[in-house]
C-alpha atoms as a PDB file:
ATOM      1  CA  MET A   1      94.000 -41.358  66.908  1.00  0.00           C
ATOM      2  CA  LYS A   2      90.236 -41.785  67.023  1.00  0.00           C
ATOM      3  CA  ILE A   3      88.052 -43.533  64.480  1.00  0.00           C
ATOM      4  CA  LEU A   4      84.878 -41.517  63.984  1.00  0.00           C
ATOM      5  CA  ASP A   5      81.581 -42.850  62.672  1.00  0.00           C
ATOM      6  CA  PHE A   6      79.493 -40.636  60.413  1.00  0.00           C
ATOM      7  CA  GLY A   7      77.473 -43.325  58.648  1.00  0.00           C
ATOM      8  CA  SER A   8      73.910 -42.772  57.541  1.00  0.00           C
ATOM      9  CA  GLN A   9      72.596 -44.557  60.643  1.00  0.00           C
ATOM     10  CA  PHE A  10      73.809 -41.583  62.712  1.00  0.00           C
ATOM     11  CA  ALA A  11      72.371 -38.896  60.435  1.00  0.00           C
ATOM     12  CA  GLY A  12      69.215 -37.015  61.321  1.00  0.00           C
ATOM     13  CA  GLY A  13      66.340 -36.377  58.931  1.00  0.00           C
ATOM     14  CA  ILE A  14      65.838 -32.920  57.448  1.00  0.00           C
ATOM     15  CA  ASP A  15      62.636 -31.606  55.893  1.00  0.00           C
ATOM     16  CA  LEU A  16      63.451 -27.883  55.687  1.00  0.00           C
ATOM     17  CA  TYR A  17      62.732 -26.214  52.312  1.00  0.00           C
ATOM     18  CA  ASP A  18      60.435 -29.113  51.328  1.00  0.00           C
ATOM     19  CA  SER A  19      63.397 -31.507  51.383  1.00  0.00           C
ATOM     20  CA  VAL A  20      62.563 -35.209  50.983  1.00  0.00           C
ATOM     21  CA  ASN A  21      64.578 -38.356  51.835  1.00  0.00           C
ATOM     22  CA  LEU A  22      67.437 -36.245  53.202  1.00  0.00           C
ATOM     23  CA  ARG A  23      69.591 -37.007  56.234  1.00  0.00           C
ATOM     24  CA  ALA A  24      72.548 -34.984  57.494  1.00  0.00           C
ATOM     25  CA  MET A  25      75.426 -35.754  59.827  1.00  0.00           C
ATOM     26  CA  PRO A  26      77.383 -32.758  61.160  1.00  0.00           C
ATOM     27  CA  ILE A  27      81.071 -33.703  61.149  1.00  0.00           C
ATOM     28  CA  ALA A  28      83.094 -30.633  62.104  1.00  0.00           C
ATOM     29  CA  LYS A  29      82.892 -26.929  62.837  1.00  0.00           C
ATOM     30  CA  PHE A  30      85.856 -24.604  62.373  1.00  0.00           C
ATOM     31  CA  ALA A  31      86.589 -20.992  63.199  1.00  0.00           C
ATOM     32  CA  ALA A  32      85.162 -18.389  60.827  1.00  0.00           C
ATOM     33  CA  ASP A  33      81.838 -20.217  60.589  1.00  0.00           C
ATOM     34  CA  VAL A  34      83.128 -23.095  58.445  1.00  0.00           C
ATOM     35  CA  SER A  35      81.232 -26.360  58.863  1.00  0.00           C
ATOM     36  CA  VAL A  36      81.460 -29.836  57.330  1.00  0.00           C
ATOM     37  CA  HIS A  37      78.465 -32.151  56.941  1.00  0.00           C
ATOM     38  CA  CYS A  38      77.830 -35.468  55.254  1.00  0.00           C
ATOM     39  CA  LEU A  39      74.511 -35.458  53.394  1.00  0.00           C
ATOM     40  CA  TYR A  40      72.672 -38.636  52.480  1.00  0.00           C
ATOM     41  CA  LEU A  41      70.054 -38.313  49.753  1.00  0.00           C
ATOM     42  CA  ASP A  42      68.168 -41.560  49.434  1.00  0.00           C
ATOM     43  CA  ALA A  43      66.462 -42.562  46.163  1.00  0.00           C
ATOM     44  CA  GLY A  44      64.093 -39.763  45.215  1.00  0.00           C
ATOM     45  CA  GLY A  45      65.867 -37.425  47.637  1.00  0.00           C
ATOM     46  CA  VAL A  46      65.537 -33.669  47.305  1.00  0.00           C
ATOM     47  CA  ILE A  47      67.258 -30.776  49.024  1.00  0.00           C
ATOM     48  CA  GLY A  48      64.672 -28.083  48.379  1.00  0.00           C
ATOM     49  CA  ASN A  49      65.512 -24.792  46.704  1.00  0.00           C
ATOM     50  CA  HIS A  50      66.920 -22.273  49.196  1.00  0.00           C
ATOM     51  CA  PRO A  51      69.690 -19.660  49.448  1.00  0.00           C
ATOM     52  CA  THR A  52      73.093 -20.578  50.860  1.00  0.00           C
ATOM     53  CA  THR A  53      74.078 -18.751  54.023  1.00  0.00           C
ATOM     54  CA  ASN A  54      77.756 -18.776  52.976  1.00  0.00           C
ATOM     55  CA  THR A  55      79.822 -20.170  50.111  1.00  0.00           C
ATOM     56  CA  GLN A  56      79.040 -23.879  49.813  1.00  0.00           C
ATOM     57  CA  LEU A  57      81.137 -26.673  48.278  1.00  0.00           C
ATOM     58  CA  PHE A  58      79.076 -29.831  47.592  1.00  0.00           C
ATOM     59  CA  LEU A  59      81.411 -32.806  46.936  1.00  0.00           C
ATOM     60  CA  VAL A  60      79.726 -35.966  45.639  1.00  0.00           C
ATOM     61  CA  VAL A  61      81.488 -39.007  47.112  1.00  0.00           C
ATOM     62  CA  ASP A  62      78.983 -41.689  46.063  1.00  0.00           C
ATOM     63  CA  GLY A  63      76.116 -41.923  43.617  1.00  0.00           C
ATOM     64  CA  ALA A  64      74.796 -39.338  41.217  1.00  0.00           C
ATOM     65  CA  GLY A  65      72.082 -36.758  40.955  1.00  0.00           C
ATOM     66  CA  TRP A  66      71.224 -33.271  39.830  1.00  0.00           C
ATOM     67  CA  VAL A  67      72.082 -29.796  41.092  1.00  0.00           C
ATOM     68  CA  ARG A  68      70.961 -26.331  40.131  1.00  0.00           C
ATOM     69  CA  GLY A  69      71.977 -22.810  40.958  1.00  0.00           C
ATOM     70  CA  GLU A  70      70.375 -19.476  40.220  1.00  0.00           C
ATOM     71  CA  SER A  71      70.194 -20.153  36.465  1.00  0.00           C
ATOM     72  CA  GLY A  72      67.487 -22.705  37.242  1.00  0.00           C
ATOM     73  CA  ALA A  73      68.971 -25.296  34.875  1.00  0.00           C
ATOM     74  CA  MET A  74      69.444 -28.763  36.387  1.00  0.00           C
ATOM     75  CA  GLN A  75      72.982 -30.070  35.843  1.00  0.00           C
ATOM     76  CA  PRO A  76      73.981 -33.724  36.289  1.00  0.00           C
ATOM     77  CA  ILE A  77      76.558 -34.425  38.994  1.00  0.00           C
ATOM     78  CA  ALA A  78      78.259 -37.690  39.969  1.00  0.00           C
ATOM     79  CA  THR A  79      80.946 -39.222  42.171  1.00  0.00           C
ATOM     80  CA  GLY A  80      84.170 -37.226  41.921  1.00  0.00           C
ATOM     81  CA  GLN A  81      82.421 -33.983  40.962  1.00  0.00           C
ATOM     82  CA  ALA A  82      81.510 -30.951  43.039  1.00  0.00           C
ATOM     83  CA  ALA A  83      79.197 -27.960  42.874  1.00  0.00           C
ATOM     84  CA  LEU A  84      80.277 -24.587  44.255  1.00  0.00           C
ATOM     85  CA  TRP A  85      77.587 -22.075  45.169  1.00  0.00           C
ATOM     86  CA  ASP A  86      78.253 -18.476  46.166  1.00  0.00           C
ATOM     87  CA  ALA A  87      76.915 -17.003  49.395  1.00  0.00           C
ATOM     88  CA  GLY A  88      73.234 -16.182  49.014  1.00  0.00           C
ATOM     89  CA  GLU A  89      72.834 -18.217  45.813  1.00  0.00           C
ATOM     90  CA  TRP A  90      69.599 -20.160  45.477  1.00  0.00           C
ATOM     91  CA  HIS A  91      70.313 -23.841  44.915  1.00  0.00           C
ATOM     92  CA  GLU A  92      68.725 -27.285  44.909  1.00  0.00           C
ATOM     93  CA  SER A  93      69.933 -30.903  44.724  1.00  0.00           C
ATOM     94  CA  ARG A  94      68.161 -34.118  43.725  1.00  0.00           C
ATOM     95  CA  ALA A  95      69.028 -37.807  43.559  1.00  0.00           C
ATOM     96  CA  ASP A  96      67.060 -40.336  41.526  1.00  0.00           C
ATOM     97  CA  GLN A  97      68.935 -43.390  42.848  1.00  0.00           C
ATOM     98  CA  GLY A  98      70.729 -41.930  45.872  1.00  0.00           C
ATOM     99  CA  MET A  99      73.756 -39.746  46.472  1.00  0.00           C
ATOM    100  CA  ILE A 100      76.190 -39.018  49.310  1.00  0.00           C
ATOM    101  CA  ALA A 101      77.918 -35.639  49.488  1.00  0.00           C
ATOM    102  CA  ILE A 102      80.348 -33.936  51.820  1.00  0.00           C
ATOM    103  CA  VAL A 103      79.373 -30.280  52.184  1.00  0.00           C
ATOM    104  CA  ILE A 104      81.823 -27.611  53.304  1.00  0.00           C
ATOM    105  CA  GLU A 105      80.182 -24.280  54.019  1.00  0.00           C
ATOM    106  CA  GLY A 106      81.713 -21.033  55.195  1.00  0.00           C
ATOM    107  CA  LYS A 107      83.000 -17.595  54.363  1.00  0.00           C
ATOM    108  CA  ASN A 108      85.902 -17.133  51.956  1.00  0.00           C
ATOM    109  CA  ILE A 109      86.092 -20.714  50.672  1.00  0.00           C
ATOM    110  CA  ALA A 110      88.471 -20.744  47.716  1.00  0.00           C
ATOM    111  CA  LEU A 111      89.302 -23.570  45.354  1.00  0.00           C
ATOM    112  CA  SER A 112      92.842 -24.941  45.355  1.00  0.00           C
ATOM    113  CA  LYS A 113      95.030 -23.818  42.459  1.00  0.00           C
ATOM    114  CA  SER A 114      94.981 -27.307  40.923  1.00  0.00           C
ATOM    115  CA  VAL A 115      91.172 -27.567  40.958  1.00  0.00           C
ATOM    116  CA  ALA A 116      90.747 -23.977  39.752  1.00  0.00           C
ATOM    117  CA  ALA A 117      93.182 -24.613  36.866  1.00  0.00           C
ATOM    118  CA  MET A 118      91.155 -27.622  35.685  1.00  0.00           C
ATOM    119  CA  GLN A 119      88.087 -25.387  35.331  1.00  0.00           C
ATOM    120  CA  GLU A 120      89.750 -23.016  32.850  1.00  0.00           C
END
């Protein structure tokens, strides 16, 4: 077993798409272009509006903020919640006080039956 560090001190700053106060730590890459990152949005952080390259699952593990998809309406999101964007969907995320999210991005990402059932 190995203990892996992916704390914010290891994350690199990102300013693409007019992003502000955003740092990302790549964690893993799988076959079929699936990747896992930990995103750190500091207070006032913004991930600027841009299209996803593949399906993207944005899992909030700490803090709270706002997300939007193509509808343009900002939706609140907090610890224990996730946003799922389709491939090519324009999206944006913001954090007033700070937020940490694990992002899984790739082709053919499907929700588990238990999570999908809770959405019905």
